[in-house]
């Protein structure tokens, strides 16, 4: 399960950090919620919001690789466990959903995630 937030997790010197995290839902809770069980699939560090194509293109490639080859995890005891991977879900808060669908919230100018037609304001 992938998850990301519309707000950066930290700001440093005018730049902000937005991570895309992954949780293996096959690991039973509460173990899967431990920070050692969460993987970072990608991160954006910049002065502006993430560019969705730059941020997600490599992540999608990684997911395709995991679906084909699985992932091997080494436990604390040295035991290696192999998991076959499938993308189950991606969760966003509303600002992150708008950003990652390439739409602008509230104003409706860029309300379509698939086209590049910029809306215009009539009168106001």
PDB file of N, CA and C in Angstrom:
ATOM      1  N   UNK A   1       0.857  -1.158   0.000  1.00  0.00           N
ATOM      2  CA  UNK A   1       0.000   0.000   0.000  1.00  0.00           C
ATOM      3  C   UNK A   1       0.908   1.226   0.000  1.00  0.00           C
ATOM      4  N   UNK A   2       0.709   2.105  -0.956  1.00  0.00           N
ATOM      5  CA  UNK A   2       1.483   3.333  -1.034  1.00  0.00           C
ATOM      6  C   UNK A   2       0.713   4.460  -0.372  1.00  0.00           C
ATOM      7  N   UNK A   3       1.423   5.382   0.239  1.00  0.00           N
ATOM      8  CA  UNK A   3       0.758   6.543   0.824  1.00  0.00           C
ATOM      9  C   UNK A   3       1.676   7.747   0.776  1.00  0.00           C
ATOM     10  N   UNK A   4       1.036   8.909   0.574  1.00  0.00           N
ATOM     11  CA  UNK A   4       1.753  10.177   0.557  1.00  0.00           C
ATOM     12  C   UNK A   4       0.808  11.259   1.064  1.00  0.00           C
ATOM     13  N   UNK A   5       1.358  12.398   1.394  1.00  0.00           N
ATOM     14  CA  UNK A   5       0.582  13.474   1.993  1.00  0.00           C
ATOM     15  C   UNK A   5       0.725  14.732   1.140  1.00  0.00           C
ATOM     16  N   UNK A   6      -0.261  15.606   1.206  1.00  0.00           N
ATOM     17  CA  UNK A   6      -0.229  16.852   0.454  1.00  0.00           C
ATOM     18  C   UNK A   6       0.631  17.919   1.088  1.00  0.00           C
ATOM     19  N   UNK A   7       1.013  17.715   2.330  1.00  0.00           N
ATOM     20  CA  UNK A   7       1.885  18.665   3.019  1.00  0.00           C
ATOM     21  C   UNK A   7       3.260  18.021   3.174  1.00  0.00           C
ATOM     22  N   UNK A   8       4.318  18.816   3.056  1.00  0.00           N
ATOM     23  CA  UNK A   8       5.652  18.250   3.223  1.00  0.00           C
ATOM     24  C   UNK A   8       5.869  17.805   4.660  1.00  0.00           C
ATOM     25  N   UNK A   9       6.746  16.816   4.853  1.00  0.00           N
ATOM     26  CA  UNK A   9       7.006  16.363   6.219  1.00  0.00           C
ATOM     27  C   UNK A   9       7.994  17.263   6.939  1.00  0.00           C
ATOM     28  N   UNK A  10       8.812  17.982   6.161  1.00  0.00           N
ATOM     29  CA  UNK A  10       9.756  18.900   6.783  1.00  0.00           C
ATOM     30  C   UNK A  10      10.135  19.989   5.784  1.00  0.00           C
ATOM     31  N   UNK A  11      10.596  21.113   6.303  1.00  0.00           N
ATOM     32  CA  UNK A  11      11.096  22.204   5.474  1.00  0.00           C
ATOM     33  C   UNK A  11      12.509  22.528   5.930  1.00  0.00           C
ATOM     34  N   UNK A  12      13.414  22.641   4.947  1.00  0.00           N
ATOM     35  CA  UNK A  12      14.806  22.930   5.255  1.00  0.00           C
ATOM     36  C   UNK A  12      15.304  23.981   4.274  1.00  0.00           C
ATOM     37  N   UNK A  13      15.679  25.138   4.778  1.00  0.00           N
ATOM     38  CA  UNK A  13      16.273  26.171   3.926  1.00  0.00           C
ATOM     39  C   UNK A  13      15.457  26.535   2.702  1.00  0.00           C
ATOM     40  N   UNK A  14      14.160  26.680   2.855  1.00  0.00           N
ATOM     41  CA  UNK A  14      13.313  27.050   1.735  1.00  0.00           C
ATOM     42  C   UNK A  14      12.893  25.897   0.845  1.00  0.00           C
ATOM     43  N   UNK A  15      13.335  24.696   1.163  1.00  0.00           N
ATOM     44  CA  UNK A  15      12.947  23.514   0.402  1.00  0.00           C
ATOM     45  C   UNK A  15      12.096  22.612   1.298  1.00  0.00           C
ATOM     46  N   UNK A  16      11.229  21.832   0.656  1.00  0.00           N
ATOM     47  CA  UNK A  16      10.345  20.938   1.402  1.00  0.00           C
ATOM     48  C   UNK A  16      10.547  19.508   0.924  1.00  0.00           C
ATOM     49  N   UNK A  17      10.271  18.554   1.816  1.00  0.00           N
ATOM     50  CA  UNK A  17      10.446  17.135   1.513  1.00  0.00           C
ATOM     51  C   UNK A  17       9.101  16.430   1.523  1.00  0.00           C
ATOM     52  N   UNK A  18       8.751  15.786   0.392  1.00  0.00           N
ATOM     53  CA  UNK A  18       7.542  14.986   0.266  1.00  0.00           C
ATOM     54  C   UNK A  18       7.949  13.554  -0.038  1.00  0.00           C
ATOM     55  N   UNK A  19       7.734  12.606   0.883  1.00  0.00           N
ATOM     56  CA  UNK A  19       8.057  11.209   0.584  1.00  0.00           C
ATOM     57  C   UNK A  19       6.832  10.434   0.083  1.00  0.00           C
ATOM     58  N   UNK A  20       7.093   9.365  -0.662  1.00  0.00           N
ATOM     59  CA  UNK A  20       6.077   8.369  -1.005  1.00  0.00           C
ATOM     60  C   UNK A  20       6.496   7.108  -0.264  1.00  0.00           C
ATOM     61  N   UNK A  21       5.663   6.683   0.675  1.00  0.00           N
ATOM     62  CA  UNK A  21       5.999   5.552   1.524  1.00  0.00           C
ATOM     63  C   UNK A  21       5.209   4.315   1.110  1.00  0.00           C
ATOM     64  N   UNK A  22       5.742   3.155   1.471  1.00  0.00           N
ATOM     65  CA  UNK A  22       5.092   1.893   1.148  1.00  0.00           C
ATOM     66  C   UNK A  22       5.024   1.035   2.408  1.00  0.00           C
ATOM     67  N   UNK A  23       3.880   0.405   2.602  1.00  0.00           N
ATOM     68  CA  UNK A  23       3.684  -0.528   3.700  1.00  0.00           C
ATOM     69  C   UNK A  23       3.294  -1.875   3.114  1.00  0.00           C
ATOM     70  N   UNK A  24       3.905  -2.939   3.583  1.00  0.00           N
ATOM     71  CA  UNK A  24       3.506  -4.274   3.162  1.00  0.00           C
ATOM     72  C   UNK A  24       2.325  -4.702   4.025  1.00  0.00           C
ATOM     73  N   UNK A  25       1.152  -4.774   3.427  1.00  0.00           N
ATOM     74  CA  UNK A  25      -0.041  -5.073   4.217  1.00  0.00           C
ATOM     75  C   UNK A  25      -0.125  -6.552   4.602  1.00  0.00           C
ATOM     76  N   UNK A  26       0.717  -7.395   3.997  1.00  0.00           N
ATOM     77  CA  UNK A  26       0.734  -8.800   4.385  1.00  0.00           C
ATOM     78  C   UNK A  26       1.358  -9.012   5.758  1.00  0.00           C
ATOM     79  N   UNK A  27       2.162  -8.054   6.201  1.00  0.00           N
ATOM     80  CA  UNK A  27       2.741  -8.121   7.544  1.00  0.00           C
ATOM     81  C   UNK A  27       1.632  -7.745   8.514  1.00  0.00           C
ATOM     82  N   UNK A  28       1.371  -8.564   9.530  1.00  0.00           N
ATOM     83  CA  UNK A  28       0.241  -8.266  10.419  1.00  0.00           C
ATOM     84  C   UNK A  28       0.485  -7.024  11.272  1.00  0.00           C
ATOM     85  N   UNK A  29      -0.617  -6.266  11.548  1.00  0.00           N
ATOM     86  CA  UNK A  29      -0.470  -5.137  12.466  1.00  0.00           C
ATOM     87  C   UNK A  29      -0.227  -5.673  13.867  1.00  0.00           C
ATOM     88  N   UNK A  30       0.412  -4.996  14.734  1.00  0.00           N
ATOM     89  CA  UNK A  30       0.996  -3.664  14.623  1.00  0.00           C
ATOM     90  C   UNK A  30       2.417  -3.665  14.066  1.00  0.00           C
ATOM     91  N   UNK A  31       2.933  -4.839  13.695  1.00  0.00           N
ATOM     92  CA  UNK A  31       4.312  -4.902  13.204  1.00  0.00           C
ATOM     93  C   UNK A  31       4.481  -4.081  11.933  1.00  0.00           C
ATOM     94  N   UNK A  32       3.495  -4.126  11.033  1.00  0.00           N
ATOM     95  CA  UNK A  32       3.633  -3.401   9.765  1.00  0.00           C
ATOM     96  C   UNK A  32       3.623  -1.890   9.943  1.00  0.00           C
ATOM     97  N   UNK A  33       3.129  -1.405  11.077  1.00  0.00           N
ATOM     98  CA  UNK A  33       3.098   0.032  11.327  1.00  0.00           C
ATOM     99  C   UNK A  33       4.377   0.547  11.985  1.00  0.00           C
ATOM    100  N   UNK A  34       5.274  -0.368  12.325  1.00  0.00           N
ATOM    101  CA  UNK A  34       6.548   0.029  12.916  1.00  0.00           C
ATOM    102  C   UNK A  34       7.397   0.693  11.841  1.00  0.00           C
ATOM    103  N   UNK A  35       8.182   1.698  12.198  1.00  0.00           N
ATOM    104  CA  UNK A  35       8.928   2.449  11.193  1.00  0.00           C
ATOM    105  C   UNK A  35       9.944   1.589  10.440  1.00  0.00           C
ATOM    106  N   UNK A  36      10.402   0.486  11.025  1.00  0.00           N
ATOM    107  CA  UNK A  36      11.327  -0.401  10.316  1.00  0.00           C
ATOM    108  C   UNK A  36      10.646  -1.172   9.192  1.00  0.00           C
ATOM    109  N   UNK A  37       9.313  -1.247   9.205  1.00  0.00           N
ATOM    110  CA  UNK A  37       8.577  -1.994   8.187  1.00  0.00           C
ATOM    111  C   UNK A  37       8.070  -1.102   7.061  1.00  0.00           C
ATOM    112  N   UNK A  38       8.319   0.201   7.150  1.00  0.00           N
ATOM    113  CA  UNK A  38       7.857   1.139   6.127  1.00  0.00           C
ATOM    114  C   UNK A  38       9.020   1.459   5.195  1.00  0.00           C
ATOM    115  N   UNK A  39       8.768   1.370   3.890  1.00  0.00           N
ATOM    116  CA  UNK A  39       9.800   1.646   2.899  1.00  0.00           C
ATOM    117  C   UNK A  39       9.520   2.992   2.231  1.00  0.00           C
ATOM    118  N   UNK A  40      10.583   3.673   1.872  1.00  0.00           N
ATOM    119  CA  UNK A  40      10.463   4.905   1.104  1.00  0.00           C
ATOM    120  C   UNK A  40      10.653   4.526  -0.361  1.00  0.00           C
ATOM    121  N   UNK A  41       9.617   4.736  -1.173  1.00  0.00           N
ATOM    122  CA  UNK A  41       9.696   4.416  -2.596  1.00  0.00           C
ATOM    123  C   UNK A  41      10.177   5.609  -3.406  1.00  0.00           C
ATOM    124  N   UNK A  42      10.008   6.791  -2.884  1.00  0.00           N
ATOM    125  CA  UNK A  42      10.448   7.978  -3.603  1.00  0.00           C
ATOM    126  C   UNK A  42      10.312   9.183  -2.706  1.00  0.00           C
ATOM    127  N   UNK A  43      11.007  10.249  -3.084  1.00  0.00           N
ATOM    128  CA  UNK A  43      10.916  11.488  -2.307  1.00  0.00           C
ATOM    129  C   UNK A  43      11.200  12.655  -3.235  1.00  0.00           C
ATOM    130  N   UNK A  44      10.587  13.762  -2.909  1.00  0.00           N
ATOM    131  CA  UNK A  44      10.784  14.999  -3.670  1.00  0.00           C
ATOM    132  C   UNK A  44      11.302  16.045  -2.710  1.00  0.00           C
ATOM    133  N   UNK A  45      12.431  16.636  -3.013  1.00  0.00           N
ATOM    134  CA  UNK A  45      12.985  17.736  -2.230  1.00  0.00           C
ATOM    135  C   UNK A  45      13.090  18.929  -3.155  1.00  0.00           C
ATOM    136  N   UNK A  46      12.329  19.964  -2.861  1.00  0.00           N
ATOM    137  CA  UNK A  46      12.366  21.126  -3.734  1.00  0.00           C
ATOM    138  C   UNK A  46      11.619  22.298  -3.146  1.00  0.00           C
ATOM    139  N   UNK A  47      11.712  23.418  -3.828  1.00  0.00           N
ATOM    140  CA  UNK A  47      11.051  24.634  -3.395  1.00  0.00           C
ATOM    141  C   UNK A  47       9.606  24.713  -3.845  1.00  0.00           C
ATOM    142  N   UNK A  48       9.179  23.773  -4.706  1.00  0.00           N
ATOM    143  CA  UNK A  48       7.802  23.728  -5.188  1.00  0.00           C
ATOM    144  C   UNK A  48       7.217  22.349  -4.910  1.00  0.00           C
ATOM    145  N   UNK A  49       5.911  22.221  -5.143  1.00  0.00           N
ATOM    146  CA  UNK A  49       5.276  20.912  -4.995  1.00  0.00           C
ATOM    147  C   UNK A  49       5.899  19.929  -5.984  1.00  0.00           C
ATOM    148  N   UNK A  50       5.815  18.644  -5.683  1.00  0.00           N
ATOM    149  CA  UNK A  50       6.423  17.642  -6.569  1.00  0.00           C
ATOM    150  C   UNK A  50       5.807  17.652  -7.968  1.00  0.00           C
ATOM    151  N   UNK A  51       6.643  17.403  -8.950  1.00  0.00           N
ATOM    152  CA  UNK A  51       6.174  17.152 -10.301  1.00  0.00           C
ATOM    153  C   UNK A  51       5.737  15.694 -10.332  1.00  0.00           C
ATOM    154  N   UNK A  52       4.462  15.442 -10.591  1.00  0.00           N
ATOM    155  CA  UNK A  52       3.946  14.084 -10.458  1.00  0.00           C
ATOM    156  C   UNK A  52       4.621  13.104 -11.401  1.00  0.00           C
ATOM    157  N   UNK A  53       4.958  13.546 -12.626  1.00  0.00           N
ATOM    158  CA  UNK A  53       5.567  12.619 -13.578  1.00  0.00           C
ATOM    159  C   UNK A  53       6.984  12.246 -13.157  1.00  0.00           C
ATOM    160  N   UNK A  54       7.757  13.216 -12.677  1.00  0.00           N
ATOM    161  CA  UNK A  54       9.112  12.909 -12.208  1.00  0.00           C
ATOM    162  C   UNK A  54       9.087  12.052 -10.950  1.00  0.00           C
ATOM    163  N   UNK A  55       8.176  12.359 -10.038  1.00  0.00           N
ATOM    164  CA  UNK A  55       8.101  11.622  -8.780  1.00  0.00           C
ATOM    165  C   UNK A  55       7.617  10.191  -8.990  1.00  0.00           C
ATOM    166  N   UNK A  56       6.573   9.995  -9.773  1.00  0.00           N
ATOM    167  CA  UNK A  56       5.926   8.690  -9.875  1.00  0.00           C
ATOM    168  C   UNK A  56       6.494   7.767 -10.939  1.00  0.00           C
ATOM    169  N   UNK A  57       7.207   8.281 -11.960  1.00  0.00           N
ATOM    170  CA  UNK A  57       7.661   7.407 -13.042  1.00  0.00           C
ATOM    171  C   UNK A  57       8.588   6.299 -12.528  1.00  0.00           C
ATOM    172  N   UNK A  58       9.556   6.634 -11.705  1.00  0.00           N
ATOM    173  CA  UNK A  58      10.474   5.615 -11.165  1.00  0.00           C
ATOM    174  C   UNK A  58       9.758   4.695 -10.174  1.00  0.00           C
ATOM    175  N   UNK A  59       8.825   5.229  -9.418  1.00  0.00           N
ATOM    176  CA  UNK A  59       8.074   4.408  -8.467  1.00  0.00           C
ATOM    177  C   UNK A  59       7.263   3.356  -9.216  1.00  0.00           C
ATOM    178  N   UNK A  60       6.628   3.750 -10.303  1.00  0.00           N
ATOM    179  CA  UNK A  60       5.851   2.793 -11.103  1.00  0.00           C
ATOM    180  C   UNK A  60       6.773   1.710 -11.676  1.00  0.00           C
ATOM    181  N   UNK A  61       7.969   2.100 -12.128  1.00  0.00           N
ATOM    182  CA  UNK A  61       8.943   1.110 -12.611  1.00  0.00           C
ATOM    183  C   UNK A  61       9.312   0.129 -11.498  1.00  0.00           C
ATOM    184  N   UNK A  62       9.521   0.630 -10.280  1.00  0.00           N
ATOM    185  CA  UNK A  62       9.851  -0.236  -9.150  1.00  0.00           C
ATOM    186  C   UNK A  62       8.720  -1.216  -8.858  1.00  0.00           C
ATOM    187  N   UNK A  63       7.492  -0.729  -8.915  1.00  0.00           N
ATOM    188  CA  UNK A  63       6.340  -1.594  -8.645  1.00  0.00           C
ATOM    189  C   UNK A  63       6.252  -2.695  -9.703  1.00  0.00           C
ATOM    190  N   UNK A  64       6.457  -2.347 -10.961  1.00  0.00           N
ATOM    191  CA  UNK A  64       6.453  -3.364 -12.016  1.00  0.00           C
ATOM    192  C   UNK A  64       7.525  -4.416 -11.752  1.00  0.00           C
ATOM    193  N   UNK A  65       8.711  -3.974 -11.334  1.00  0.00           N
ATOM    194  CA  UNK A  65       9.791  -4.912 -11.024  1.00  0.00           C
ATOM    195  C   UNK A  65       9.412  -5.817  -9.852  1.00  0.00           C
ATOM    196  N   UNK A  66       8.819  -5.249  -8.804  1.00  0.00           N
ATOM    197  CA  UNK A  66       8.402  -6.044  -7.654  1.00  0.00           C
ATOM    198  C   UNK A  66       7.307  -7.043  -8.022  1.00  0.00           C
ATOM    199  N   UNK A  67       6.383  -6.635  -8.886  1.00  0.00           N
ATOM    200  CA  UNK A  67       5.314  -7.543  -9.298  1.00  0.00           C
ATOM    201  C   UNK A  67       5.905  -8.736 -10.042  1.00  0.00           C
ATOM    202  N   UNK A  68       6.914  -8.501 -10.869  1.00  0.00           N
ATOM    203  CA  UNK A  68       7.525  -9.578 -11.634  1.00  0.00           C
ATOM    204  C   UNK A  68       8.452 -10.447 -10.786  1.00  0.00           C
ATOM    205  N   UNK A  69       9.217  -9.834  -9.886  1.00  0.00           N
ATOM    206  CA  UNK A  69      10.278 -10.561  -9.184  1.00  0.00           C
ATOM    207  C   UNK A  69      10.038 -10.761  -7.694  1.00  0.00           C
ATOM    208  N   UNK A  70       9.062 -10.079  -7.113  1.00  0.00           N
ATOM    209  CA  UNK A  70       8.858 -10.167  -5.673  1.00  0.00           C
ATOM    210  C   UNK A  70       9.908  -9.369  -4.919  1.00  0.00           C
ATOM    211  N   UNK A  71       9.891  -9.498  -3.615  1.00  0.00           N
ATOM    212  CA  UNK A  71      10.860  -8.800  -2.763  1.00  0.00           C
ATOM    213  C   UNK A  71      11.286  -9.756  -1.657  1.00  0.00           C
ATOM    214  N   UNK A  72      12.568  -9.726  -1.330  1.00  0.00           N
ATOM    215  CA  UNK A  72      13.102 -10.563  -0.261  1.00  0.00           C
ATOM    216  C   UNK A  72      13.460  -9.666   0.912  1.00  0.00           C
ATOM    217  N   UNK A  73      12.953 -10.021   2.068  1.00  0.00           N
ATOM    218  CA  UNK A  73      13.192  -9.253   3.285  1.00  0.00           C
ATOM    219  C   UNK A  73      13.961 -10.125   4.268  1.00  0.00           C
ATOM    220  N   UNK A  74      15.004  -9.554   4.853  1.00  0.00           N
ATOM    221  CA  UNK A  74      15.799 -10.268   5.849  1.00  0.00           C
ATOM    222  C   UNK A  74      15.316  -9.871   7.239  1.00  0.00           C
ATOM    223  N   UNK A  75      14.955 -10.859   8.054  1.00  0.00           N
ATOM    224  CA  UNK A  75      14.473 -10.601   9.407  1.00  0.00           C
ATOM    225  C   UNK A  75      15.649 -10.335  10.341  1.00  0.00           C
ATOM    226  N   UNK A  76      15.350  -9.974  11.577  1.00  0.00           N
ATOM    227  CA  UNK A  76      16.396  -9.734  12.575  1.00  0.00           C
ATOM    228  C   UNK A  76      17.225 -10.986  12.848  1.00  0.00           C
ATOM    229  N   UNK A  77      16.630 -12.154  12.658  1.00  0.00           N
ATOM    230  CA  UNK A  77      17.338 -13.417  12.908  1.00  0.00           C
ATOM    231  C   UNK A  77      18.134 -13.878  11.690  1.00  0.00           C
ATOM    232  N   UNK A  78      18.082 -13.119  10.599  1.00  0.00           N
ATOM    233  CA  UNK A  78      18.817 -13.478   9.399  1.00  0.00           C
ATOM    234  C   UNK A  78      18.018 -14.326   8.417  1.00  0.00           C
ATOM    235  N   UNK A  79      16.800 -14.669   8.785  1.00  0.00           N
ATOM    236  CA  UNK A  79      15.943 -15.457   7.904  1.00  0.00           C
ATOM    237  C   UNK A  79      15.488 -14.577   6.743  1.00  0.00           C
ATOM    238  N   UNK A  80      15.504 -15.142   5.536  1.00  0.00           N
ATOM    239  CA  UNK A  80      15.077 -14.396   4.353  1.00  0.00           C
ATOM    240  C   UNK A  80      13.678 -14.845   3.966  1.00  0.00           C
ATOM    241  N   UNK A  81      12.771 -13.868   3.852  1.00  0.00           N
ATOM    242  CA  UNK A  81      11.385 -14.142   3.470  1.00  0.00           C
ATOM    243  C   UNK A  81      11.122 -13.481   2.130  1.00  0.00           C
ATOM    244  N   UNK A  82      10.572 -14.239   1.191  1.00  0.00           N
ATOM    245  CA  UNK A  82      10.254 -13.678  -0.121  1.00  0.00           C
ATOM    246  C   UNK A  82       8.752 -13.470  -0.210  1.00  0.00           C
ATOM    247  N   UNK A  83       8.377 -12.284  -0.657  1.00  0.00           N
ATOM    248  CA  UNK A  83       6.977 -11.923  -0.848  1.00  0.00           C
ATOM    249  C   UNK A  83       6.746 -11.631  -2.322  1.00  0.00           C
ATOM    250  N   UNK A  84       5.647 -12.112  -2.837  1.00  0.00           N
ATOM    251  CA  UNK A  84       5.203 -11.689  -4.162  1.00  0.00           C
ATOM    252  C   UNK A  84       4.388 -10.420  -3.944  1.00  0.00           C
ATOM    253  N   UNK A  85       4.571  -9.438  -4.794  1.00  0.00           N
ATOM    254  CA  UNK A  85       4.005  -8.111  -4.586  1.00  0.00           C
ATOM    255  C   UNK A  85       2.883  -7.840  -5.588  1.00  0.00           C
ATOM    256  N   UNK A  86       1.864  -7.176  -5.102  1.00  0.00           N
ATOM    257  CA  UNK A  86       0.840  -6.604  -5.965  1.00  0.00           C
ATOM    258  C   UNK A  86       0.475  -5.257  -5.357  1.00  0.00           C
ATOM    259  N   UNK A  87       0.177  -4.308  -6.210  1.00  0.00           N
ATOM    260  CA  UNK A  87      -0.213  -2.990  -5.717  1.00  0.00           C
ATOM    261  C   UNK A  87      -1.670  -3.073  -5.293  1.00  0.00           C
ATOM    262  N   UNK A  88      -1.917  -2.874  -4.014  1.00  0.00           N
ATOM    263  CA  UNK A  88      -3.267  -3.009  -3.490  1.00  0.00           C
ATOM    264  C   UNK A  88      -3.997  -1.682  -3.464  1.00  0.00           C
ATOM    265  N   UNK A  89      -3.326  -0.631  -3.040  1.00  0.00           N
ATOM    266  CA  UNK A  89      -3.986   0.673  -2.994  1.00  0.00           C
ATOM    267  C   UNK A  89      -2.953   1.776  -2.830  1.00  0.00           C
ATOM    268  N   UNK A  90      -3.385   2.970  -3.155  1.00  0.00           N
ATOM    269  CA  UNK A  90      -2.609   4.179  -2.911  1.00  0.00           C
ATOM    270  C   UNK A  90      -3.537   5.118  -2.159  1.00  0.00           C
ATOM    271  N   UNK A  91      -3.073   5.664  -1.045  1.00  0.00           N
ATOM    272  CA  UNK A  91      -3.910   6.576  -0.279  1.00  0.00           C
ATOM    273  C   UNK A  91      -3.293   7.975  -0.295  1.00  0.00           C
ATOM    274  N   UNK A  92      -4.170   8.964  -0.479  1.00  0.00           N
ATOM    275  CA  UNK A  92      -3.773  10.363  -0.496  1.00  0.00           C
ATOM    276  C   UNK A  92      -4.735  11.141   0.384  1.00  0.00           C
ATOM    277  N   UNK A  93      -4.268  12.238   0.966  1.00  0.00           N
ATOM    278  CA  UNK A  93      -5.220  13.208   1.490  1.00  0.00           C
ATOM    279  C   UNK A  93      -5.644  14.067   0.293  1.00  0.00           C
ATOM    280  N   UNK A  94      -6.624  14.945   0.446  1.00  0.00           N
ATOM    281  CA  UNK A  94      -7.151  15.687  -0.703  1.00  0.00           C
ATOM    282  C   UNK A  94      -6.115  16.559  -1.410  1.00  0.00           C
ATOM    283  N   UNK A  95      -5.260  17.307  -0.696  1.00  0.00           N
ATOM    284  CA  UNK A  95      -4.241  18.081  -1.426  1.00  0.00           C
ATOM    285  C   UNK A  95      -3.278  17.182  -2.218  1.00  0.00           C
ATOM    286  N   UNK A  96      -2.890  16.048  -1.652  1.00  0.00           N
ATOM    287  CA  UNK A  96      -1.993  15.135  -2.368  1.00  0.00           C
ATOM    288  C   UNK A  96      -2.701  14.499  -3.552  1.00  0.00           C
ATOM    289  N   UNK A  97      -3.980  14.180  -3.407  1.00  0.00           N
ATOM    290  CA  UNK A  97      -4.745  13.613  -4.521  1.00  0.00           C
ATOM    291  C   UNK A  97      -4.794  14.604  -5.677  1.00  0.00           C
ATOM    292  N   UNK A  98      -5.078  15.866  -5.383  1.00  0.00           N
ATOM    293  CA  UNK A  98      -5.119  16.885  -6.426  1.00  0.00           C
ATOM    294  C   UNK A  98      -3.754  17.019  -7.100  1.00  0.00           C
ATOM    295  N   UNK A  99      -2.713  17.072  -6.309  1.00  0.00           N
ATOM    296  CA  UNK A  99      -1.360  17.215  -6.854  1.00  0.00           C
ATOM    297  C   UNK A  99      -0.973  16.022  -7.713  1.00  0.00           C
ATOM    298  N   UNK A 100      -1.248  14.822  -7.254  1.00  0.00           N
ATOM    299  CA  UNK A 100      -0.830  13.622  -7.965  1.00  0.00           C
ATOM    300  C   UNK A 100      -1.748  13.255  -9.119  1.00  0.00           C
ATOM    301  N   UNK A 101      -2.921  13.868  -9.189  1.00  0.00           N
ATOM    302  CA  UNK A 101      -3.804  13.698 -10.349  1.00  0.00           C
ATOM    303  C   UNK A 101      -3.639  14.858 -11.319  1.00  0.00           C
ATOM    304  N   UNK A 102      -2.708  15.770 -11.004  1.00  0.00           N
ATOM    305  CA  UNK A 102      -2.404  16.918 -11.863  1.00  0.00           C
ATOM    306  C   UNK A 102      -3.608  17.846 -12.021  1.00  0.00           C
ATOM    307  N   UNK A 103      -4.333  18.058 -10.948  1.00  0.00           N
ATOM    308  CA  UNK A 103      -5.443  19.000 -10.973  1.00  0.00           C
ATOM    309  C   UNK A 103      -5.209  20.057  -9.907  1.00  0.00           C
ATOM    310  N   UNK A 104      -5.847  21.188 -10.074  1.00  0.00           N
ATOM    311  CA  UNK A 104      -5.740  22.262  -9.090  1.00  0.00           C
ATOM    312  C   UNK A 104      -7.049  22.306  -8.323  1.00  0.00           C
ATOM    313  N   UNK A 105      -6.964  22.237  -7.021  1.00  0.00           N
ATOM    314  CA  UNK A 105      -8.162  22.242  -6.195  1.00  0.00           C
ATOM    315  C   UNK A 105      -8.872  23.582  -6.240  1.00  0.00           C
ATOM    316  N   UNK A 106     -10.154  23.552  -6.001  1.00  0.00           N
ATOM    317  CA  UNK A 106     -11.005  24.693  -5.716  1.00  0.00           C
ATOM    318  C   UNK A 106     -11.335  25.598  -6.906  1.00  0.00           C
ATOM    319  N   UNK A 107     -10.367  25.947  -7.770  1.00  0.00           N
ATOM    320  CA  UNK A 107     -10.681  26.938  -8.791  1.00  0.00           C
ATOM    321  C   UNK A 107     -11.256  26.337 -10.066  1.00  0.00           C
ATOM    322  N   UNK A 108     -11.078  25.049 -10.298  1.00  0.00           N
ATOM    323  CA  UNK A 108     -11.643  24.389 -11.461  1.00  0.00           C
ATOM    324  C   UNK A 108     -10.920  24.673 -12.760  1.00  0.00           C
ATOM    325  N   UNK A 109      -9.836  25.466 -12.747  1.00  0.00           N
ATOM    326  CA  UNK A 109      -9.122  25.772 -13.983  1.00  0.00           C
ATOM    327  C   UNK A 109      -8.480  24.527 -14.587  1.00  0.00           C
ATOM    328  N   UNK A 110      -7.918  23.686 -13.760  1.00  0.00           N
ATOM    329  CA  UNK A 110      -7.267  22.464 -14.231  1.00  0.00           C
ATOM    330  C   UNK A 110      -7.923  21.272 -13.543  1.00  0.00           C
ATOM    331  N   UNK A 111      -9.191  21.054 -13.837  1.00  0.00           N
ATOM    332  CA  UNK A 111      -9.955  20.045 -13.121  1.00  0.00           C
ATOM    333  C   UNK A 111      -9.865  18.664 -13.736  1.00  0.00           C
ATOM    334  N   UNK A 112      -9.285  18.525 -14.907  1.00  0.00           N
ATOM    335  CA  UNK A 112      -9.196  17.223 -15.567  1.00  0.00           C
ATOM    336  C   UNK A 112      -7.790  16.656 -15.398  1.00  0.00           C
ATOM    337  N   UNK A 113      -7.652  15.448 -14.835  1.00  0.00           N
ATOM    338  CA  UNK A 113      -6.318  14.881 -14.644  1.00  0.00           C
ATOM    339  C   UNK A 113      -5.671  14.389 -15.937  1.00  0.00           C
ATOM    340  N   UNK A 114      -6.428  14.304 -17.038  1.00  0.00           N
ATOM    341  CA  UNK A 114      -5.897  13.723 -18.264  1.00  0.00           C
ATOM    342  C   UNK A 114      -5.550  14.729 -19.347  1.00  0.00           C
ATOM    343  N   UNK A 115      -6.110  15.927 -19.304  1.00  0.00           N
ATOM    344  CA  UNK A 115      -5.845  16.870 -20.402  1.00  0.00           C
ATOM    345  C   UNK A 115      -5.040  18.061 -19.897  1.00  0.00           C
ATOM    346  N   UNK A 116      -4.429  18.754 -20.846  1.00  0.00           N
ATOM    347  CA  UNK A 116      -3.602  19.910 -20.512  1.00  0.00           C
ATOM    348  C   UNK A 116      -4.277  21.223 -20.850  1.00  0.00           C
ATOM    349  N   UNK A 117      -5.590  21.194 -20.974  1.00  0.00           N
ATOM    350  CA  UNK A 117      -6.329  22.410 -21.312  1.00  0.00           C
ATOM    351  C   UNK A 117      -6.530  23.222 -20.046  1.00  0.00           C
ATOM    352  N   UNK A 118      -6.000  24.445 -20.040  1.00  0.00           N
ATOM    353  CA  UNK A 118      -6.122  25.307 -18.874  1.00  0.00           C
ATOM    354  C   UNK A 118      -7.425  26.090 -19.002  1.00  0.00           C
ATOM    355  N   UNK A 119      -8.255  26.060 -17.979  1.00  0.00           N
ATOM    356  CA  UNK A 119      -9.527  26.782 -17.986  1.00  0.00           C
ATOM    357  C   UNK A 119      -9.324  28.276 -17.983  1.00  0.00           C
ATOM    358  N   UNK A 120     -10.374  29.016 -18.280  1.00  0.00           N
ATOM    359  CA  UNK A 120     -10.321  30.472 -18.253  1.00  0.00           C
ATOM    360  C   UNK A 120     -11.430  30.999 -17.347  1.00  0.00           C
ATOM    361  N   UNK A 121     -11.196  32.161 -16.765  1.00  0.00           N
ATOM    362  CA  UNK A 121     -12.206  32.788 -15.925  1.00  0.00           C
ATOM    363  C   UNK A 121     -13.063  33.710 -16.787  1.00  0.00           C
ATOM    364  N   UNK A 122     -14.377  33.622 -16.649  1.00  0.00           N
ATOM    365  CA  UNK A 122     -15.301  34.509 -17.367  1.00  0.00           C
ATOM    366  C   UNK A 122     -15.806  35.512 -16.333  1.00  0.00           C
ATOM    367  N   UNK A 123     -15.618  36.791 -16.641  1.00  0.00           N
ATOM    368  CA  UNK A 123     -15.883  37.880 -15.718  1.00  0.00           C
ATOM    369  C   UNK A 123     -14.986  37.721 -14.503  1.00  0.00           C
ATOM    370  N   UNK A 124     -15.468  37.140 -13.436  1.00  0.00           N
ATOM    371  CA  UNK A 124     -14.600  36.962 -12.266  1.00  0.00           C
ATOM    372  C   UNK A 124     -14.023  35.578 -12.288  1.00  0.00           C
TER     373      UNK A 124
END
